[in-house]
Amino acid sequence: MKETVLSRPFILSLSLNKISKAAVKTKTLDEQVYRCVCDYIGANSNGVLVLTGGEPFLDSRLSEILTYARNRCWLTSVDTRCMFREFPTLDGIQQIRLRLFSLNPNLHNKLAGDNRSFQKTMVFSKWLADNYSGGKIMVFPVCRENYTEITAVLAWCRKLNLTPNIFVVPRKHEYALDYQTYHIVQRTISYLPLKDIIIDVPLLGLSGWSNICPGGRLAMHIGIDGGIKPCPHFPYPLCWLEKDIPSTWRTLQERIADLNDLCRSCEHFSVCGGGCLANKNEAGKDHYCPKEGVW
């Protein structure tokens, strides 16, 4: 069998745990899956490790996996919901990612499912601005409830020297945009400045932007049970962790090729990459794609 060569930089996203909204109940990453990931990091260098899930800073294995990554020259990024009691030690972490749903405290808390989320996010983001020299990313998931805040959020991020990362929540999200509003948002985003902003909206390729979303192209996500997705927002696993990371990556690429089979014959495929994988329906069509012939 031909050996799978992973793209560089390869981005490995990993959920260390999952915390239920209904109760403070934590499910942790399967130990066998965790060891498989550590073995891969220990044997390979110069990748990117993204630690996500419920709250990586509450996981007892965080220090260990960061040490593996540092010893093999991996860059590390950590997503946080600010659920820690004391500001964590950030040694060995090149990037911190927070999530802002709204500049309205009540709306943010509603969307985050945590009545204290806004306050915790504000306090930690300001602490980062004063104390952390690494990359500071504020993720803004655009949805039906907050899409009019895009410009205000960008201005707020600039004040704190945070890099905004904008993406549109998938179509199956509770607060997903309808078709018309999605394209209003898309037009709004297309006029934003390119400098110091990350935009993960593949359909913007139809407006002249490149598809920079790494999900399934440079990155794969591993859930706590070993389920494999192109990104954490994809609604279901496309496959499961096999004997090792390279063979699993190969299987994921095959599944994604199947999802993009219909779009591959479209003249616009090279610029939008088939759209957002999380927005594909069962036939492989992006729910929001406006192009005739794709439907």
Protein backbone atom coordinates (compact mmCIF):
# COMPACT_ATOMS: atom_id res chain seq x y z
CA MET A 1 0.00 0.00 0.00
CA LYS A 2 1.30 3.45 -0.92
CA GLU A 3 2.44 5.46 2.09
CA THR A 4 0.34 8.51 2.88
CA VAL A 5 2.28 11.76 2.89
CA LEU A 6 0.58 14.42 4.97
CA SER A 7 0.49 17.99 3.79
CA ARG A 8 2.65 20.54 5.58
CA PRO A 9 1.81 22.14 7.84
CA PHE A 10 -0.55 19.42 8.99
CA ILE A 11 -3.10 20.72 11.51
CA LEU A 12 -4.30 18.20 14.06
CA SER A 13 -7.33 19.36 16.03
CA LEU A 14 -8.12 17.39 19.17
CA SER A 15 -10.94 17.53 21.73
CA LEU A 16 -9.42 16.74 25.10
CA ASN A 17 -12.82 16.76 26.76
CA LYS A 18 -16.48 17.59 26.29
CA ILE A 19 -18.54 19.48 28.84
CA SER A 20 -22.32 19.23 28.81
CA LYS A 21 -24.34 22.46 28.87
CA ALA A 22 -27.06 20.88 30.99
CA ALA A 23 -24.73 20.06 33.87
CA VAL A 24 -21.06 20.32 34.72
CA LYS A 25 -20.42 16.85 33.43
CA THR A 26 -17.17 16.11 31.65
CA LYS A 27 -16.36 13.36 29.18
CA THR A 28 -12.67 12.99 28.43
CA LEU A 29 -10.81 11.90 25.33
CA ASP A 30 -10.51 8.13 25.03
CA GLU A 31 -7.15 7.04 26.44
CA GLN A 32 -6.29 4.81 23.48
CA VAL A 33 -7.03 7.67 21.08
CA TYR A 34 -4.95 10.03 23.20
CA ARG A 35 -1.96 7.65 23.15
CA CYS A 36 -2.26 7.23 19.38
CA VAL A 37 -2.11 11.01 18.96
CA CYS A 38 0.87 11.31 21.33
CA ASP A 39 2.71 8.57 19.44
CA TYR A 40 2.17 10.42 16.17
CA ILE A 41 3.35 13.76 17.59
CA GLY A 42 6.37 12.05 19.14
CA ALA A 43 7.38 10.55 15.82
CA ASN A 44 6.76 13.57 13.59
CA SER A 45 7.82 17.19 13.68
CA ASN A 46 6.66 20.62 12.57
CA GLY A 47 2.90 20.18 12.66
CA VAL A 48 0.22 22.31 14.29
CA LEU A 49 -1.70 21.01 17.30
CA VAL A 50 -5.05 22.62 18.12
CA LEU A 51 -6.48 21.61 21.49
CA THR A 52 -10.19 22.20 21.77
CA GLY A 53 -13.35 20.63 23.15
CA GLY A 54 -15.01 21.60 26.41
CA GLU A 55 -12.08 23.25 28.23
CA PRO A 56 -8.50 22.10 27.56
CA PHE A 57 -7.19 24.01 30.59
CA LEU A 58 -9.21 21.72 32.88
CA ASP A 59 -7.61 18.56 31.47
CA SER A 60 -4.84 16.90 33.49
CA ARG A 61 -3.09 15.79 30.26
CA LEU A 62 -2.64 19.27 28.86
CA SER A 63 0.90 19.74 30.15
CA GLU A 64 1.98 16.32 28.88
CA ILE A 65 0.72 16.76 25.33
CA LEU A 66 2.16 20.28 25.15
CA THR A 67 5.53 18.84 26.14
CA TYR A 68 5.29 16.25 23.35
CA ALA A 69 4.48 19.02 20.89
CA ARG A 70 7.27 21.33 22.08
CA ASN A 71 9.88 18.56 21.87
CA ARG A 72 8.94 17.88 18.25
CA CYS A 73 8.69 21.56 17.24
CA TRP A 74 4.92 21.57 16.81
CA LEU A 75 3.10 24.89 17.02
CA THR A 76 0.27 24.79 19.55
CA SER A 77 -3.09 26.54 19.74
CA VAL A 78 -5.61 26.23 22.57
CA ASP A 79 -9.33 27.02 22.45
CA THR A 80 -10.73 28.10 25.79
CA ARG A 81 -14.16 28.77 27.25
CA CYS A 82 -12.48 30.52 30.22
CA MET A 83 -13.76 27.92 32.69
CA PHE A 84 -10.61 27.99 34.81
CA ARG A 85 -10.55 29.69 38.23
CA GLU A 86 -7.06 31.18 37.94
CA PHE A 87 -5.32 32.45 34.82
CA PRO A 88 -3.49 29.44 33.36
CA THR A 89 0.19 29.12 32.58
CA LEU A 90 0.60 29.68 28.86
CA ASP A 91 4.23 28.52 28.45
CA GLY A 92 4.66 26.53 25.26
CA ILE A 93 1.41 27.76 23.71
CA GLN A 94 1.81 29.91 20.62
CA GLN A 95 -1.84 30.84 20.20
CA ILE A 96 -4.93 31.28 22.40
CA ARG A 97 -8.41 31.27 20.90
CA LEU A 98 -11.45 32.66 22.70
CA ARG A 99 -15.02 32.82 21.44
CA LEU A 100 -17.25 35.88 21.33
CA PHE A 101 -20.88 35.47 20.32
CA SER A 102 -21.99 39.05 20.91
CA LEU A 103 -20.97 42.35 22.47
CA ASN A 104 -24.35 42.25 24.18
CA PRO A 105 -23.68 40.37 27.46
CA ASN A 106 -27.12 38.78 27.67
CA LEU A 107 -27.04 37.58 24.06
CA HIS A 108 -23.51 36.25 24.38
CA ASN A 109 -24.42 34.31 27.53
CA LYS A 110 -27.53 32.92 25.86
CA LEU A 111 -25.59 31.64 22.84
CA ALA A 112 -22.72 30.36 24.99
CA GLY A 113 -25.09 28.57 27.37
CA ASP A 114 -23.33 30.06 30.40
CA ASN A 115 -24.61 33.03 32.41
CA ARG A 116 -21.07 34.07 33.35
CA SER A 117 -19.45 33.52 29.97
CA PHE A 118 -19.39 37.15 28.81
CA GLN A 119 -17.72 38.43 31.96
CA LYS A 120 -15.13 35.65 31.92
CA THR A 121 -14.38 36.24 28.24
CA MET A 122 -13.96 40.00 28.74
CA VAL A 123 -11.68 39.61 31.75
CA PHE A 124 -9.45 37.00 30.11
CA SER A 125 -9.22 38.83 26.78
CA LYS A 126 -8.05 41.98 28.55
CA TRP A 127 -5.57 39.97 30.62
CA LEU A 128 -4.20 38.41 27.43
CA ALA A 129 -3.83 41.84 25.84
CA ASP A 130 -1.61 42.95 28.74
CA ASN A 131 0.27 39.73 29.54
CA TYR A 132 0.47 37.39 26.55
CA SER A 133 2.79 37.92 23.60
CA GLY A 134 1.54 35.00 21.48
CA GLY A 135 -1.27 34.98 18.96
CA LYS A 136 -4.58 36.14 20.39
CA ILE A 137 -7.58 35.05 18.32
CA MET A 138 -11.18 36.08 18.98
CA VAL A 139 -13.47 33.69 17.14
CA PHE A 140 -16.79 35.24 16.11
CA PRO A 141 -19.32 32.61 14.94
CA VAL A 142 -21.87 34.50 12.83
CA CYS A 143 -25.46 33.36 13.28
CA ARG A 144 -29.05 34.57 13.02
CA GLU A 145 -28.85 36.38 16.36
CA ASN A 146 -25.61 38.35 15.92
CA TYR A 147 -24.88 38.91 12.21
CA THR A 148 -25.42 42.68 12.45
CA GLU A 149 -22.48 42.98 14.89
CA ILE A 150 -19.66 42.04 12.51
CA THR A 151 -18.28 45.57 12.10
CA ALA A 152 -18.59 46.39 15.81
CA VAL A 153 -16.79 43.17 16.79
CA LEU A 154 -13.91 43.95 14.41
CA ALA A 155 -13.52 47.42 15.93
CA TRP A 156 -13.56 45.97 19.44
CA CYS A 157 -10.91 43.39 18.53
CA ARG A 158 -8.61 46.10 17.17
CA LYS A 159 -8.74 47.97 20.49
CA LEU A 160 -7.38 44.91 22.32
CA ASN A 161 -5.00 43.84 19.54
CA LEU A 162 -6.97 40.60 19.02
CA THR A 163 -7.12 38.97 15.61
CA PRO A 164 -10.77 38.34 14.67
CA ASN A 165 -11.64 34.97 13.13
CA ILE A 166 -15.02 35.06 11.42
CA PHE A 167 -16.96 32.03 10.29
CA VAL A 168 -20.64 31.31 9.70
CA VAL A 169 -22.21 28.64 11.90
CA PRO A 170 -23.22 25.49 9.98
CA ARG A 171 -26.71 25.12 8.54
CA LYS A 172 -27.77 22.61 11.20
CA HIS A 173 -26.91 24.95 14.07
CA GLU A 174 -29.82 26.07 16.24
CA TYR A 175 -29.30 29.68 15.13
CA ALA A 176 -28.19 29.08 11.53
CA LEU A 177 -28.73 31.81 8.96
CA ASP A 178 -31.44 31.39 6.36
CA TYR A 179 -30.42 31.46 2.70
CA GLN A 180 -31.09 35.17 2.09
CA THR A 181 -29.43 36.36 5.30
CA TYR A 182 -26.40 34.17 4.62
CA HIS A 183 -25.74 36.02 1.37
CA ILE A 184 -26.26 39.40 3.05
CA VAL A 185 -23.58 38.35 5.54
CA GLN A 186 -21.37 37.11 2.72
CA ARG A 187 -21.54 40.50 0.98
CA THR A 188 -20.76 42.26 4.25
CA ILE A 189 -17.72 40.07 4.84
CA SER A 190 -16.47 40.54 1.28
CA TYR A 191 -15.98 44.26 1.97
CA LEU A 192 -13.93 43.75 5.11
CA PRO A 193 -10.19 44.57 5.06
CA LEU A 194 -7.89 41.64 4.36
CA LYS A 195 -5.25 42.72 6.87
CA ASP A 196 -5.19 41.15 10.34
CA ILE A 197 -8.39 39.17 9.96
CA ILE A 198 -9.12 35.46 9.45
CA ILE A 199 -12.22 34.57 7.45
CA ASP A 200 -13.24 30.92 7.09
CA VAL A 201 -16.11 31.24 4.60
CA PRO A 202 -15.31 29.08 1.54
CA LEU A 203 -18.16 30.44 -0.62
CA LEU A 204 -16.40 33.81 -0.61
CA GLY A 205 -14.25 32.20 -3.29
CA LEU A 206 -17.12 32.98 -5.66
CA SER A 207 -16.50 36.67 -4.92
CA GLY A 208 -12.77 36.51 -5.60
CA TRP A 209 -11.51 35.39 -2.19
CA SER A 210 -9.40 32.28 -1.78
CA ASN A 211 -10.75 29.37 0.26
CA ILE A 212 -8.59 29.54 3.38
CA CYS A 213 -10.68 27.23 5.56
CA PRO A 214 -8.28 24.40 6.48
CA GLY A 215 -10.98 21.85 7.42
CA GLY A 216 -10.39 18.67 5.44
CA ARG A 217 -7.71 20.35 3.34
CA LEU A 218 -4.87 20.80 5.82
CA ALA A 219 -6.63 19.80 9.02
CA MET A 220 -8.62 17.05 10.64
CA HIS A 221 -10.42 16.96 13.95
CA ILE A 222 -10.47 14.04 16.41
CA GLY A 223 -13.38 13.86 18.84
CA ILE A 224 -13.30 12.37 22.34
CA ASP A 225 -14.47 8.97 21.06
CA GLY A 226 -12.08 8.85 18.10
CA GLY A 227 -14.60 10.17 15.56
CA ILE A 228 -12.90 11.99 12.68
CA LYS A 229 -14.26 15.18 11.11
CA PRO A 230 -12.83 17.84 8.79
CA CYS A 231 -13.44 20.36 11.60
CA PRO A 232 -15.14 20.43 15.02
CA HIS A 233 -18.29 21.95 13.48
CA PHE A 234 -19.01 19.12 11.05
CA PRO A 235 -22.24 17.44 12.25
CA TYR A 236 -21.09 13.79 12.33
CA PRO A 237 -17.89 11.69 12.07
CA LEU A 238 -16.87 10.80 8.53
CA CYS A 239 -14.71 7.95 9.83
CA TRP A 240 -12.99 6.74 13.00
CA LEU A 241 -9.40 6.74 14.13
CA GLU A 242 -7.72 3.72 12.58
CA LYS A 243 -4.35 2.22 13.49
CA ASP A 244 -2.53 5.51 12.96
CA ILE A 245 -2.99 9.14 11.94
CA PRO A 246 -1.74 8.85 8.30
CA SER A 247 -4.10 5.98 7.38
CA THR A 248 -6.98 7.82 9.05
CA TRP A 249 -6.12 10.97 7.08
CA ARG A 250 -6.22 8.94 3.87
CA THR A 251 -9.69 7.62 4.73
CA LEU A 252 -10.91 11.11 5.59
CA GLN A 253 -9.68 12.39 2.23
CA GLU A 254 -11.64 9.64 0.48
CA ARG A 255 -14.82 10.57 2.37
CA ILE A 256 -14.36 14.25 1.54
CA ALA A 257 -13.80 13.42 -2.12
CA ASP A 258 -17.15 11.62 -2.08
CA LEU A 259 -18.82 14.68 -0.53
CA ASN A 260 -17.32 16.91 -3.22
CA ASP A 261 -18.08 14.55 -6.11
CA LEU A 262 -20.99 16.68 -7.39
CA CYS A 263 -19.19 19.99 -6.95
CA ARG A 264 -16.02 18.81 -8.68
CA SER A 265 -17.65 19.14 -12.10
CA CYS A 266 -18.56 22.81 -11.43
CA GLU A 267 -16.38 25.48 -13.04
CA HIS A 268 -16.17 27.28 -9.69
CA PHE A 269 -14.84 24.33 -7.70
CA SER A 270 -11.25 25.60 -7.79
CA VAL A 271 -12.18 28.84 -6.00
CA CYS A 272 -14.67 27.65 -3.38
CA GLY A 273 -13.48 24.07 -2.92
CA GLY A 274 -17.06 22.86 -2.91
CA GLY A 275 -18.11 25.28 -0.19
CA CYS A 276 -18.26 24.52 3.52
CA LEU A 277 -18.22 20.78 4.17
CA ALA A 278 -20.41 21.31 7.25
CA ASN A 279 -23.10 22.83 5.01
CA LYS A 280 -23.30 19.89 2.60
CA ASN A 281 -26.58 18.06 2.33
CA GLU A 282 -26.89 14.34 1.63
CA ALA A 283 -26.43 14.92 -2.11
CA GLY A 284 -23.15 16.81 -1.55
CA LYS A 285 -24.52 20.29 -2.31
CA ASP A 286 -23.62 23.29 -0.18
CA HIS A 287 -26.91 24.48 1.30
CA TYR A 288 -26.02 28.13 0.61
CA CYS A 289 -24.41 27.86 -2.83
CA PRO A 290 -26.09 30.31 -5.26
CA LYS A 291 -24.61 29.01 -8.51
CA GLU A 292 -26.94 27.61 -11.15
CA GLY A 293 -26.04 24.08 -12.15
CA VAL A 294 -24.84 23.21 -8.67
CA TRP A 295 -28.40 22.68 -7.50
